[in-house]
């Protein structure tokens, strides 16, 4: 009986220790041996700063059209053109996994009636705690490991740039390991590419600075 209890105790310790090892910390982001999964851009709290006219290829755009057409288009473009959007290089890796269906599910539920604003103060409305609260509601669809995403905060016509919270999360525990606001300059031909250029700009700056985020 005593041997049985010892065996059960050792088994429990192994389970508990394996759970602890499965959790990640901020330091794990900078270890090349740890795989990172790109899970896309969350646009659910984004504000488009400037008149609603002129957003998109044909004048005025509605929140629904932005959600159904452009949110998926931007996320799919980033995955579809890896040589232009160097995700792996931005986080000092040679390759990344991808699971953009995670943010796609969140974006599809965006039901805001107004996402356009002419108040320049709306460009940077989110705080670190807001990002953490968003992540708590996420369905990571059984994925584990370190997730890499951006939370779109503001896209400004006047500034010709966008503000994102670059975010890393332990997908198993939903713990935010690091979130940092980074601005990206718009560039490119056509509405989709012009604003996708802000993501490219963010990734380019990350490539230079990521190791200094430790």
N, C-alpha and C. Protein backbone atom coordinates (compact mmCIF):
# COMPACT_ATOMS: atom_id res chain seq x y z
N UNK A 1 0.83 -1.20 0.00
CA UNK A 1 0.00 0.00 0.00
C UNK A 1 0.87 1.26 0.00
N UNK A 2 1.92 1.21 0.84
CA UNK A 2 2.82 2.35 0.93
C UNK A 2 3.51 2.59 -0.42
N UNK A 3 3.91 1.50 -1.09
CA UNK A 3 4.56 1.63 -2.40
C UNK A 3 3.60 2.24 -3.43
N UNK A 4 2.33 1.84 -3.33
CA UNK A 4 1.33 2.35 -4.25
C UNK A 4 1.16 3.85 -4.07
N UNK A 5 1.10 4.30 -2.80
CA UNK A 5 0.95 5.73 -2.51
C UNK A 5 2.15 6.53 -3.02
N UNK A 6 3.34 5.95 -2.85
CA UNK A 6 4.56 6.61 -3.33
C UNK A 6 4.52 6.75 -4.85
N UNK A 7 4.08 5.69 -5.51
CA UNK A 7 4.00 5.70 -6.97
C UNK A 7 3.01 6.75 -7.46
N UNK A 8 1.85 6.82 -6.79
CA UNK A 8 0.84 7.82 -7.16
C UNK A 8 1.38 9.23 -6.95
N UNK A 9 2.09 9.42 -5.83
CA UNK A 9 2.66 10.74 -5.53
C UNK A 9 3.67 11.16 -6.58
N UNK A 10 4.52 10.22 -6.98
CA UNK A 10 5.52 10.52 -8.00
C UNK A 10 4.86 10.85 -9.34
N UNK A 11 3.79 10.14 -9.65
CA UNK A 11 3.07 10.38 -10.91
C UNK A 11 2.46 11.78 -10.91
N UNK A 12 1.90 12.17 -9.76
CA UNK A 12 1.31 13.50 -9.66
C UNK A 12 2.37 14.59 -9.81
N UNK A 13 3.52 14.36 -9.20
CA UNK A 13 4.62 15.32 -9.32
C UNK A 13 5.07 15.48 -10.76
N UNK A 14 5.10 14.38 -11.49
CA UNK A 14 5.50 14.43 -12.90
C UNK A 14 4.49 15.23 -13.72
N UNK A 15 3.22 15.00 -13.43
CA UNK A 15 2.17 15.74 -14.15
C UNK A 15 2.27 17.23 -13.87
N UNK A 16 2.42 17.55 -12.56
CA UNK A 16 2.51 18.95 -12.18
C UNK A 16 3.74 19.62 -12.77
N UNK A 17 4.87 18.92 -12.76
CA UNK A 17 6.11 19.50 -13.30
C UNK A 17 6.01 19.69 -14.80
N UNK A 18 5.31 18.77 -15.48
CA UNK A 18 5.16 18.91 -16.93
C UNK A 18 4.28 20.11 -17.26
N UNK A 19 3.26 20.38 -16.42
CA UNK A 19 2.40 21.54 -16.62
C UNK A 19 3.18 22.82 -16.44
N UNK A 20 4.07 22.85 -15.43
CA UNK A 20 4.89 24.03 -15.19
C UNK A 20 5.81 24.27 -16.38
N UNK A 21 6.41 23.21 -16.90
CA UNK A 21 7.32 23.35 -18.04
C UNK A 21 6.59 23.83 -19.29
N UNK A 22 5.30 23.50 -19.37
CA UNK A 22 4.54 23.87 -20.55
C UNK A 22 4.23 25.36 -20.58
N UNK A 23 4.36 26.03 -19.44
CA UNK A 23 4.09 27.45 -19.38
C UNK A 23 5.32 28.23 -19.82
N UNK A 24 5.07 29.35 -20.48
CA UNK A 24 6.17 30.15 -21.01
C UNK A 24 6.28 31.48 -20.28
N UNK A 25 7.46 32.06 -20.37
CA UNK A 25 7.72 33.37 -19.79
C UNK A 25 8.21 34.31 -20.90
N UNK A 26 8.33 35.56 -20.57
CA UNK A 26 8.83 36.54 -21.55
C UNK A 26 10.19 36.13 -22.09
N UNK A 27 11.05 35.60 -21.23
CA UNK A 27 12.39 35.21 -21.64
C UNK A 27 12.38 34.16 -22.74
N UNK A 28 11.34 33.33 -22.78
CA UNK A 28 11.25 32.26 -23.77
C UNK A 28 11.08 32.79 -25.19
N UNK A 29 10.61 34.04 -25.33
CA UNK A 29 10.46 34.63 -26.66
C UNK A 29 11.79 34.74 -27.39
N UNK A 30 12.83 34.93 -26.62
CA UNK A 30 14.13 35.22 -27.21
C UNK A 30 15.03 34.00 -27.31
N UNK A 31 14.45 32.83 -27.05
CA UNK A 31 15.18 31.57 -27.22
C UNK A 31 14.80 30.96 -28.55
N UNK A 32 15.73 30.90 -29.46
CA UNK A 32 15.46 30.43 -30.82
C UNK A 32 14.90 29.01 -30.85
N UNK A 33 15.12 28.25 -29.81
CA UNK A 33 14.63 26.86 -29.77
C UNK A 33 13.11 26.79 -29.57
N UNK A 34 12.51 27.87 -29.12
CA UNK A 34 11.07 27.90 -28.89
C UNK A 34 10.34 28.34 -30.16
N UNK A 35 9.46 27.48 -30.63
CA UNK A 35 8.69 27.77 -31.84
C UNK A 35 7.64 28.85 -31.57
N UNK A 36 7.47 29.72 -32.54
CA UNK A 36 6.47 30.79 -32.45
C UNK A 36 5.44 30.60 -33.56
N UNK A 37 4.18 30.84 -33.24
CA UNK A 37 3.09 30.71 -34.20
C UNK A 37 2.46 32.07 -34.47
N UNK A 38 2.45 32.48 -35.74
CA UNK A 38 1.79 33.72 -36.13
C UNK A 38 0.29 33.48 -36.18
N UNK A 39 -0.47 34.27 -35.41
CA UNK A 39 -1.91 34.06 -35.37
C UNK A 39 -2.69 35.24 -35.96
N UNK A 40 -1.98 36.18 -36.57
CA UNK A 40 -2.64 37.22 -37.34
C UNK A 40 -2.87 38.53 -36.61
N UNK A 41 -3.70 39.38 -37.22
CA UNK A 41 -3.99 40.71 -36.70
C UNK A 41 -5.44 40.78 -36.24
N UNK A 42 -5.63 41.25 -35.03
CA UNK A 42 -6.96 41.45 -34.47
C UNK A 42 -7.38 42.90 -34.75
N UNK A 43 -8.48 43.06 -35.49
CA UNK A 43 -8.97 44.39 -35.84
C UNK A 43 -10.23 44.77 -35.06
N UNK A 44 -10.58 44.02 -34.05
CA UNK A 44 -11.87 44.23 -33.40
C UNK A 44 -11.99 45.56 -32.67
N UNK A 45 -10.87 46.18 -32.30
CA UNK A 45 -10.92 47.46 -31.59
C UNK A 45 -10.32 48.60 -32.41
N UNK A 46 -10.07 48.38 -33.69
CA UNK A 46 -9.40 49.39 -34.51
C UNK A 46 -10.30 50.60 -34.75
N UNK A 47 -9.67 51.77 -34.86
CA UNK A 47 -10.34 53.00 -35.25
C UNK A 47 -9.68 53.53 -36.53
N UNK A 48 -10.50 53.84 -37.51
CA UNK A 48 -10.01 54.45 -38.74
C UNK A 48 -10.17 55.96 -38.58
N UNK A 49 -9.06 56.66 -38.51
CA UNK A 49 -9.08 58.08 -38.18
C UNK A 49 -9.13 58.91 -39.47
N UNK A 50 -10.25 59.60 -39.64
CA UNK A 50 -10.49 60.40 -40.84
C UNK A 50 -11.90 60.16 -41.32
N UNK A 51 -12.41 60.97 -42.24
CA UNK A 51 -13.77 60.80 -42.74
C UNK A 51 -13.97 59.40 -43.31
N UNK A 52 -15.19 58.88 -43.18
CA UNK A 52 -15.49 57.54 -43.68
C UNK A 52 -15.32 57.46 -45.19
N UNK A 53 -15.53 58.59 -45.90
CA UNK A 53 -15.32 58.59 -47.35
C UNK A 53 -13.84 58.41 -47.66
N UNK A 54 -13.58 57.63 -48.67
CA UNK A 54 -12.19 57.44 -49.08
C UNK A 54 -11.51 56.22 -48.48
N UNK A 55 -12.17 55.57 -47.53
CA UNK A 55 -11.61 54.31 -47.03
C UNK A 55 -12.02 53.21 -48.00
N UNK A 56 -11.09 52.54 -48.56
CA UNK A 56 -11.39 51.48 -49.50
C UNK A 56 -11.24 51.95 -50.94
N UNK A 57 -11.55 51.07 -51.86
CA UNK A 57 -11.29 51.35 -53.27
C UNK A 57 -12.39 52.17 -53.93
N UNK A 58 -13.56 52.23 -53.32
CA UNK A 58 -14.68 52.91 -53.96
C UNK A 58 -15.44 53.83 -53.00
N UNK A 59 -14.72 54.72 -52.38
CA UNK A 59 -15.39 55.70 -51.54
C UNK A 59 -15.73 55.21 -50.15
N UNK A 60 -16.93 55.57 -49.70
CA UNK A 60 -17.35 55.29 -48.33
C UNK A 60 -17.39 53.79 -48.04
N UNK A 61 -16.94 53.42 -46.86
CA UNK A 61 -16.97 52.02 -46.44
C UNK A 61 -17.76 51.90 -45.14
N UNK A 62 -18.45 50.81 -44.98
CA UNK A 62 -19.19 50.55 -43.74
C UNK A 62 -18.36 49.66 -42.83
N UNK A 63 -18.62 49.66 -41.51
CA UNK A 63 -17.93 48.74 -40.61
C UNK A 63 -18.05 47.29 -41.05
N UNK A 64 -19.23 46.93 -41.55
CA UNK A 64 -19.45 45.54 -41.98
C UNK A 64 -18.55 45.18 -43.16
N UNK A 65 -18.43 46.10 -44.12
CA UNK A 65 -17.58 45.82 -45.28
C UNK A 65 -16.11 45.74 -44.88
N UNK A 66 -15.70 46.62 -43.99
CA UNK A 66 -14.31 46.56 -43.52
C UNK A 66 -14.05 45.21 -42.86
N UNK A 67 -15.02 44.77 -42.05
CA UNK A 67 -14.88 43.48 -41.34
C UNK A 67 -14.85 42.31 -42.30
N UNK A 68 -15.77 42.28 -43.23
CA UNK A 68 -15.95 41.10 -44.09
C UNK A 68 -14.99 41.05 -45.27
N UNK A 69 -14.53 42.21 -45.71
CA UNK A 69 -13.66 42.24 -46.89
C UNK A 69 -12.20 42.50 -46.55
N UNK A 70 -11.95 43.59 -45.82
CA UNK A 70 -10.57 44.02 -45.66
C UNK A 70 -9.82 43.35 -44.50
N UNK A 71 -10.52 43.06 -43.41
CA UNK A 71 -9.83 42.37 -42.32
C UNK A 71 -9.26 41.03 -42.80
N UNK A 72 -10.06 40.20 -43.47
CA UNK A 72 -9.50 38.94 -43.99
C UNK A 72 -8.45 39.18 -45.07
N UNK A 73 -8.66 40.19 -45.91
CA UNK A 73 -7.73 40.45 -47.01
C UNK A 73 -6.34 40.81 -46.48
N UNK A 74 -6.28 41.63 -45.45
CA UNK A 74 -4.98 41.99 -44.88
C UNK A 74 -4.29 40.77 -44.26
N UNK A 75 -5.02 39.99 -43.51
CA UNK A 75 -4.41 38.82 -42.88
C UNK A 75 -3.96 37.78 -43.90
N UNK A 76 -4.74 37.59 -44.93
CA UNK A 76 -4.37 36.61 -45.96
C UNK A 76 -3.20 37.09 -46.81
N UNK A 77 -3.11 38.40 -47.05
CA UNK A 77 -1.99 38.95 -47.81
C UNK A 77 -0.66 38.71 -47.10
N UNK A 78 -0.66 38.91 -45.80
CA UNK A 78 0.57 38.74 -45.02
C UNK A 78 1.09 37.31 -45.10
N UNK A 79 0.17 36.36 -45.05
CA UNK A 79 0.55 34.95 -45.16
C UNK A 79 0.91 34.60 -46.60
N UNK A 80 0.19 35.20 -47.54
CA UNK A 80 0.38 34.85 -48.95
C UNK A 80 1.64 35.40 -49.57
N UNK A 81 2.25 36.40 -48.95
CA UNK A 81 3.46 37.01 -49.50
C UNK A 81 4.57 37.02 -48.44
N UNK A 82 5.10 35.85 -48.12
CA UNK A 82 6.11 35.75 -47.05
C UNK A 82 7.41 36.50 -47.33
N UNK A 83 7.74 36.68 -48.61
CA UNK A 83 8.97 37.40 -48.93
C UNK A 83 8.84 38.89 -48.68
N UNK A 84 7.60 39.39 -48.75
CA UNK A 84 7.36 40.81 -48.48
C UNK A 84 7.14 41.07 -46.99
N UNK A 85 6.43 40.15 -46.34
CA UNK A 85 6.15 40.28 -44.92
C UNK A 85 6.99 39.24 -44.17
N UNK A 86 8.15 39.67 -43.74
CA UNK A 86 9.13 38.73 -43.18
C UNK A 86 8.88 38.52 -41.69
N UNK A 87 7.84 37.74 -41.44
CA UNK A 87 7.41 37.49 -40.06
C UNK A 87 8.48 36.82 -39.22
N UNK A 88 9.09 35.78 -39.77
CA UNK A 88 10.09 35.02 -39.00
C UNK A 88 11.29 35.89 -38.64
N UNK A 89 11.75 36.69 -39.60
CA UNK A 89 12.90 37.55 -39.34
C UNK A 89 12.60 38.58 -38.26
N UNK A 90 11.35 39.01 -38.19
CA UNK A 90 10.97 40.02 -37.20
C UNK A 90 11.16 39.52 -35.78
N UNK A 91 11.08 38.20 -35.57
CA UNK A 91 11.22 37.64 -34.23
C UNK A 91 12.45 36.73 -34.13
N UNK A 92 13.42 37.00 -35.00
CA UNK A 92 14.71 36.30 -34.96
C UNK A 92 14.56 34.78 -35.07
N UNK A 93 13.71 34.35 -36.02
CA UNK A 93 13.53 32.93 -36.29
C UNK A 93 13.78 32.67 -37.78
N UNK A 94 14.02 31.42 -38.12
CA UNK A 94 14.17 31.05 -39.52
C UNK A 94 12.84 30.67 -40.13
N UNK A 95 11.88 30.27 -39.28
CA UNK A 95 10.55 29.94 -39.76
C UNK A 95 9.54 30.06 -38.63
N UNK A 96 8.27 30.20 -39.01
CA UNK A 96 7.18 30.29 -38.04
C UNK A 96 6.06 29.35 -38.43
N UNK A 97 5.28 28.93 -37.44
CA UNK A 97 4.02 28.27 -37.74
C UNK A 97 2.97 29.34 -38.01
N UNK A 98 1.83 28.96 -38.52
CA UNK A 98 0.77 29.91 -38.81
C UNK A 98 -0.58 29.35 -38.40
N UNK A 99 -1.41 30.20 -37.78
CA UNK A 99 -2.76 29.80 -37.40
C UNK A 99 -3.64 31.06 -37.39
N UNK A 100 -3.80 31.69 -38.57
CA UNK A 100 -4.54 32.95 -38.61
C UNK A 100 -6.05 32.75 -38.44
N UNK A 101 -6.48 31.49 -38.42
CA UNK A 101 -7.90 31.24 -38.16
C UNK A 101 -8.30 31.70 -36.75
N UNK A 102 -7.31 31.84 -35.88
CA UNK A 102 -7.60 32.27 -34.50
C UNK A 102 -8.08 33.72 -34.48
N UNK A 103 -7.34 34.62 -35.12
CA UNK A 103 -7.79 36.02 -35.17
C UNK A 103 -8.95 36.19 -36.15
N UNK A 104 -9.02 35.33 -37.17
CA UNK A 104 -10.13 35.42 -38.12
C UNK A 104 -11.46 35.22 -37.40
N UNK A 105 -11.48 34.28 -36.46
CA UNK A 105 -12.71 34.01 -35.70
C UNK A 105 -13.09 35.20 -34.83
N UNK A 106 -12.08 35.85 -34.23
CA UNK A 106 -12.35 37.03 -33.40
C UNK A 106 -12.84 38.20 -34.26
N UNK A 107 -12.18 38.42 -35.40
CA UNK A 107 -12.55 39.53 -36.28
C UNK A 107 -13.97 39.38 -36.82
N UNK A 108 -14.35 38.15 -37.12
CA UNK A 108 -15.68 37.89 -37.69
C UNK A 108 -16.80 38.26 -36.74
N UNK A 109 -16.49 38.34 -35.45
CA UNK A 109 -17.52 38.66 -34.45
C UNK A 109 -17.63 40.16 -34.18
N UNK A 110 -16.76 40.96 -34.79
CA UNK A 110 -16.80 42.40 -34.58
C UNK A 110 -18.13 42.96 -35.06
N UNK A 111 -18.88 43.59 -34.16
CA UNK A 111 -20.21 44.09 -34.52
C UNK A 111 -20.39 45.57 -34.21
N UNK A 112 -19.30 46.32 -34.19
CA UNK A 112 -19.38 47.75 -33.89
C UNK A 112 -20.10 48.49 -35.03
N UNK A 113 -20.95 49.42 -34.66
CA UNK A 113 -21.68 50.20 -35.66
C UNK A 113 -20.84 51.38 -36.17
N UNK A 114 -19.81 51.74 -35.41
CA UNK A 114 -18.98 52.87 -35.83
C UNK A 114 -17.51 52.59 -35.54
N UNK A 115 -16.73 52.52 -36.57
CA UNK A 115 -15.29 52.32 -36.40
C UNK A 115 -14.49 53.47 -37.03
N UNK A 116 -15.21 54.46 -37.59
CA UNK A 116 -14.57 55.63 -38.16
C UNK A 116 -14.63 56.78 -37.16
N UNK A 117 -13.58 57.57 -37.13
CA UNK A 117 -13.53 58.70 -36.20
C UNK A 117 -12.72 59.83 -36.82
N UNK A 118 -13.16 61.05 -36.56
CA UNK A 118 -12.39 62.21 -37.01
C UNK A 118 -11.67 62.87 -35.84
N UNK A 119 -11.63 62.17 -34.71
CA UNK A 119 -10.92 62.65 -33.53
C UNK A 119 -9.51 62.07 -33.52
N UNK A 120 -8.52 62.92 -33.70
CA UNK A 120 -7.14 62.41 -33.78
C UNK A 120 -6.71 61.74 -32.49
N UNK A 121 -7.39 62.05 -31.39
CA UNK A 121 -7.06 61.43 -30.11
C UNK A 121 -7.42 59.96 -30.06
N UNK A 122 -8.23 59.50 -31.01
CA UNK A 122 -8.62 58.09 -31.04
C UNK A 122 -7.56 57.18 -31.67
N UNK A 123 -6.49 57.78 -32.13
CA UNK A 123 -5.45 56.99 -32.79
C UNK A 123 -4.81 55.98 -31.84
N UNK A 124 -4.67 56.37 -30.58
CA UNK A 124 -4.06 55.48 -29.58
C UNK A 124 -4.94 55.43 -28.34
N UNK A 125 -5.99 54.64 -28.41
CA UNK A 125 -6.95 54.54 -27.32
C UNK A 125 -6.68 53.39 -26.36
N UNK A 126 -6.03 52.34 -26.86
CA UNK A 126 -5.88 51.11 -26.06
C UNK A 126 -4.72 51.21 -25.07
N UNK A 127 -4.87 50.48 -23.98
CA UNK A 127 -3.80 50.35 -23.00
C UNK A 127 -3.41 48.88 -22.90
N UNK A 128 -2.29 48.63 -22.25
CA UNK A 128 -1.80 47.26 -22.13
C UNK A 128 -2.86 46.34 -21.51
N UNK A 129 -3.57 46.85 -20.51
CA UNK A 129 -4.60 46.06 -19.86
C UNK A 129 -5.74 45.69 -20.79
N UNK A 130 -6.04 46.57 -21.75
CA UNK A 130 -7.10 46.29 -22.73
C UNK A 130 -6.71 45.08 -23.59
N UNK A 131 -5.45 45.03 -23.98
CA UNK A 131 -4.97 43.91 -24.78
C UNK A 131 -5.08 42.61 -23.98
N UNK A 132 -4.68 42.65 -22.73
CA UNK A 132 -4.76 41.47 -21.88
C UNK A 132 -6.20 40.98 -21.74
N UNK A 133 -7.14 41.91 -21.60
CA UNK A 133 -8.55 41.54 -21.48
C UNK A 133 -9.07 40.92 -22.78
N UNK A 134 -8.60 41.39 -23.90
CA UNK A 134 -9.00 40.83 -25.19
C UNK A 134 -8.54 39.38 -25.30
N UNK A 135 -7.31 39.13 -24.89
CA UNK A 135 -6.74 37.79 -24.99
C UNK A 135 -7.47 36.79 -24.11
N UNK A 136 -7.96 37.24 -22.97
CA UNK A 136 -8.68 36.35 -22.06
C UNK A 136 -9.91 35.73 -22.72
N UNK A 137 -10.49 36.44 -23.69
CA UNK A 137 -11.71 35.98 -24.35
C UNK A 137 -11.42 35.12 -25.57
N UNK A 138 -10.15 34.91 -25.89
CA UNK A 138 -9.79 34.22 -27.12
C UNK A 138 -10.02 32.71 -27.05
N UNK A 139 -10.36 32.16 -28.19
CA UNK A 139 -10.38 30.72 -28.38
C UNK A 139 -9.17 30.36 -29.24
N UNK A 140 -8.19 29.72 -28.62
CA UNK A 140 -6.97 29.36 -29.34
C UNK A 140 -7.08 28.01 -30.03
N UNK A 141 -8.26 27.46 -30.04
CA UNK A 141 -8.58 26.27 -30.84
C UNK A 141 -7.62 25.10 -30.56
N UNK A 142 -7.26 24.96 -29.30
CA UNK A 142 -6.42 23.84 -28.90
C UNK A 142 -4.93 24.04 -29.17
N UNK A 143 -4.57 25.17 -29.73
CA UNK A 143 -3.16 25.44 -30.01
C UNK A 143 -2.41 25.71 -28.71
N UNK A 144 -1.16 25.31 -28.68
CA UNK A 144 -0.31 25.58 -27.53
C UNK A 144 1.01 26.19 -28.01
N UNK A 145 1.79 26.70 -27.08
CA UNK A 145 3.05 27.33 -27.43
C UNK A 145 2.90 28.85 -27.45
N UNK A 146 3.86 29.51 -28.06
CA UNK A 146 3.88 30.97 -28.08
C UNK A 146 3.18 31.49 -29.33
N UNK A 147 2.15 32.29 -29.13
CA UNK A 147 1.44 32.92 -30.23
C UNK A 147 1.94 34.35 -30.43
N UNK A 148 2.06 34.75 -31.68
CA UNK A 148 2.54 36.08 -32.06
C UNK A 148 1.43 36.74 -32.87
N UNK A 149 0.99 37.91 -32.44
CA UNK A 149 -0.11 38.59 -33.13
C UNK A 149 0.07 40.11 -33.03
N UNK A 150 -0.77 40.83 -33.72
CA UNK A 150 -0.84 42.27 -33.57
C UNK A 150 -2.29 42.64 -33.30
N UNK A 151 -2.48 43.61 -32.43
CA UNK A 151 -3.79 44.18 -32.18
C UNK A 151 -3.81 45.56 -32.83
N UNK A 152 -4.61 45.71 -33.88
CA UNK A 152 -4.69 47.00 -34.57
C UNK A 152 -5.43 48.00 -33.69
N UNK A 153 -4.82 49.16 -33.52
CA UNK A 153 -5.38 50.17 -32.62
C UNK A 153 -5.95 51.36 -33.40
N UNK A 154 -5.14 51.94 -34.28
CA UNK A 154 -5.59 53.08 -35.06
C UNK A 154 -4.93 53.12 -36.42
N UNK A 155 -5.69 53.55 -37.43
CA UNK A 155 -5.15 53.72 -38.77
C UNK A 155 -5.52 55.14 -39.20
N UNK A 156 -4.53 55.99 -39.34
CA UNK A 156 -4.76 57.42 -39.53
C UNK A 156 -4.42 57.89 -40.94
N UNK A 157 -5.42 58.48 -41.60
CA UNK A 157 -5.18 59.05 -42.93
C UNK A 157 -4.20 60.21 -42.84
N UNK A 158 -4.45 61.09 -41.87
CA UNK A 158 -3.62 62.28 -41.76
C UNK A 158 -2.17 61.98 -41.46
N UNK A 159 -1.93 61.01 -40.59
CA UNK A 159 -0.57 60.64 -40.22
C UNK A 159 0.06 59.67 -41.20
N UNK A 160 -0.79 59.04 -42.02
CA UNK A 160 -0.35 58.01 -42.97
C UNK A 160 0.41 56.90 -42.25
N UNK A 161 -0.13 56.48 -41.13
CA UNK A 161 0.48 55.40 -40.37
C UNK A 161 -0.57 54.71 -39.52
N UNK A 162 -0.18 53.58 -38.97
CA UNK A 162 -1.07 52.80 -38.12
C UNK A 162 -0.36 52.45 -36.82
N UNK A 163 -1.16 52.26 -35.79
CA UNK A 163 -0.64 51.88 -34.47
C UNK A 163 -1.09 50.46 -34.15
N UNK A 164 -0.15 49.62 -33.76
CA UNK A 164 -0.43 48.22 -33.41
C UNK A 164 0.17 47.90 -32.04
N UNK A 165 -0.49 46.99 -31.34
CA UNK A 165 0.12 46.39 -30.16
C UNK A 165 0.66 45.02 -30.57
N UNK A 166 1.97 44.94 -30.71
CA UNK A 166 2.62 43.66 -31.02
C UNK A 166 2.57 42.81 -29.75
N UNK A 167 1.97 41.63 -29.87
CA UNK A 167 1.64 40.85 -28.67
C UNK A 167 2.08 39.39 -28.79
N UNK A 168 2.66 38.89 -27.71
CA UNK A 168 3.05 37.48 -27.62
C UNK A 168 2.31 36.86 -26.44
N UNK A 169 1.76 35.69 -26.66
CA UNK A 169 0.92 35.08 -25.64
C UNK A 169 1.18 33.59 -25.53
N UNK A 170 1.11 33.08 -24.31
CA UNK A 170 1.13 31.64 -24.07
C UNK A 170 -0.28 31.15 -24.40
N UNK A 171 -0.43 30.45 -25.51
CA UNK A 171 -1.76 30.09 -25.98
C UNK A 171 -2.48 29.10 -25.07
N UNK A 172 -1.73 28.34 -24.31
CA UNK A 172 -2.36 27.37 -23.41
C UNK A 172 -2.98 28.06 -22.19
N UNK A 173 -2.26 29.01 -21.63
CA UNK A 173 -2.72 29.66 -20.40
C UNK A 173 -3.39 31.01 -20.65
N UNK A 174 -3.30 31.52 -21.89
CA UNK A 174 -3.81 32.85 -22.28
C UNK A 174 -3.08 33.97 -21.54
N UNK A 175 -1.87 33.69 -21.11
CA UNK A 175 -1.06 34.70 -20.44
C UNK A 175 -0.32 35.54 -21.49
N UNK A 176 -0.46 36.86 -21.40
CA UNK A 176 0.28 37.75 -22.29
C UNK A 176 1.72 37.84 -21.80
N UNK A 177 2.64 37.42 -22.63
CA UNK A 177 4.05 37.41 -22.27
C UNK A 177 4.70 38.78 -22.51
N UNK A 178 4.22 39.45 -23.55
CA UNK A 178 4.76 40.77 -23.90
C UNK A 178 3.79 41.45 -24.86
N UNK A 179 3.50 42.71 -24.63
CA UNK A 179 2.74 43.49 -25.61
C UNK A 179 3.35 44.88 -25.66
N UNK A 180 3.55 45.37 -26.86
CA UNK A 180 4.28 46.62 -27.04
C UNK A 180 3.69 47.38 -28.23
N UNK A 181 3.42 48.66 -28.04
CA UNK A 181 2.88 49.48 -29.13
C UNK A 181 3.99 49.84 -30.11
N UNK A 182 3.70 49.60 -31.39
CA UNK A 182 4.66 49.92 -32.46
C UNK A 182 3.89 50.60 -33.59
N UNK A 183 4.46 51.66 -34.14
CA UNK A 183 3.84 52.38 -35.25
C UNK A 183 4.44 51.95 -36.57
N UNK A 184 3.61 51.93 -37.62
CA UNK A 184 4.09 51.56 -38.95
C UNK A 184 3.61 52.55 -39.99
N UNK A 185 4.49 52.92 -40.92
CA UNK A 185 4.15 53.88 -41.98
C UNK A 185 3.44 53.16 -43.12
N UNK A 186 2.44 53.82 -43.65
CA UNK A 186 1.68 53.27 -44.78
C UNK A 186 2.46 53.46 -46.08
N UNK A 187 2.34 52.49 -46.98
CA UNK A 187 3.02 52.57 -48.28
C UNK A 187 2.49 51.47 -49.18
N UNK A 188 2.37 51.77 -50.47
CA UNK A 188 1.92 50.76 -51.41
C UNK A 188 0.82 51.30 -52.31
N UNK A 189 0.55 50.58 -53.40
CA UNK A 189 -0.47 50.98 -54.36
C UNK A 189 -1.80 50.29 -54.06
N UNK A 190 -2.87 51.06 -54.05
CA UNK A 190 -4.19 50.49 -53.77
C UNK A 190 -4.46 50.47 -52.28
N UNK A 191 -5.73 50.54 -51.92
CA UNK A 191 -6.11 50.63 -50.52
C UNK A 191 -5.59 49.47 -49.68
N UNK A 192 -5.80 48.26 -50.14
CA UNK A 192 -5.37 47.09 -49.37
C UNK A 192 -3.86 47.12 -49.13
N UNK A 193 -3.09 47.32 -50.18
CA UNK A 193 -1.64 47.28 -50.06
C UNK A 193 -1.09 48.47 -49.28
N UNK A 194 -1.75 49.63 -49.43
CA UNK A 194 -1.28 50.83 -48.75
C UNK A 194 -1.28 50.63 -47.24
N UNK A 195 -2.37 50.10 -46.71
CA UNK A 195 -2.45 49.91 -45.27
C UNK A 195 -1.75 48.64 -44.81
N UNK A 196 -1.63 47.66 -45.69
CA UNK A 196 -0.81 46.48 -45.37
C UNK A 196 0.66 46.90 -45.22
N UNK A 197 1.01 47.99 -45.89
CA UNK A 197 2.37 48.51 -45.77
C UNK A 197 2.73 48.90 -44.35
N UNK A 198 1.72 49.25 -43.54
CA UNK A 198 2.01 49.58 -42.14
C UNK A 198 2.49 48.36 -41.37
N UNK A 199 1.96 47.19 -41.72
CA UNK A 199 2.39 45.94 -41.08
C UNK A 199 3.83 45.63 -41.49
N UNK A 200 4.11 45.81 -42.76
CA UNK A 200 5.46 45.59 -43.27
C UNK A 200 6.45 46.50 -42.55
N UNK A 201 6.04 47.74 -42.31
CA UNK A 201 6.89 48.70 -41.61
C UNK A 201 7.15 48.27 -40.17
N UNK A 202 6.11 47.78 -39.49
CA UNK A 202 6.26 47.30 -38.11
C UNK A 202 7.23 46.12 -38.05
N UNK A 203 7.07 45.18 -38.97
CA UNK A 203 7.94 44.00 -39.00
C UNK A 203 9.39 44.38 -39.26
N UNK A 204 9.58 45.37 -40.12
CA UNK A 204 10.93 45.83 -40.44
C UNK A 204 11.60 46.44 -39.22
N UNK A 205 10.85 47.24 -38.45
CA UNK A 205 11.42 47.84 -37.25
C UNK A 205 11.65 46.79 -36.17
N UNK A 206 10.79 45.78 -36.13
CA UNK A 206 10.98 44.69 -35.16
C UNK A 206 12.27 43.93 -35.43
N UNK A 207 12.56 43.71 -36.70
CA UNK A 207 13.78 42.98 -37.05
C UNK A 207 15.01 43.65 -36.45
N UNK A 208 14.99 44.98 -36.39
CA UNK A 208 16.13 45.74 -35.84
C UNK A 208 16.12 45.75 -34.32
N UNK A 209 14.92 45.81 -33.72
CA UNK A 209 14.83 46.09 -32.29
C UNK A 209 14.42 44.93 -31.41
N UNK A 210 13.94 43.83 -32.00
CA UNK A 210 13.34 42.76 -31.20
C UNK A 210 14.22 42.27 -30.06
N UNK A 211 15.49 42.07 -30.31
CA UNK A 211 16.37 41.55 -29.26
C UNK A 211 16.53 42.52 -28.11
N UNK A 212 16.25 43.80 -28.35
CA UNK A 212 16.34 44.80 -27.29
C UNK A 212 15.08 44.86 -26.44
N UNK A 213 14.06 44.06 -26.82
CA UNK A 213 12.81 44.04 -26.06
C UNK A 213 12.91 43.15 -24.82
N UNK A 214 14.02 42.44 -24.66
CA UNK A 214 14.18 41.53 -23.52
C UNK A 214 14.03 42.27 -22.19
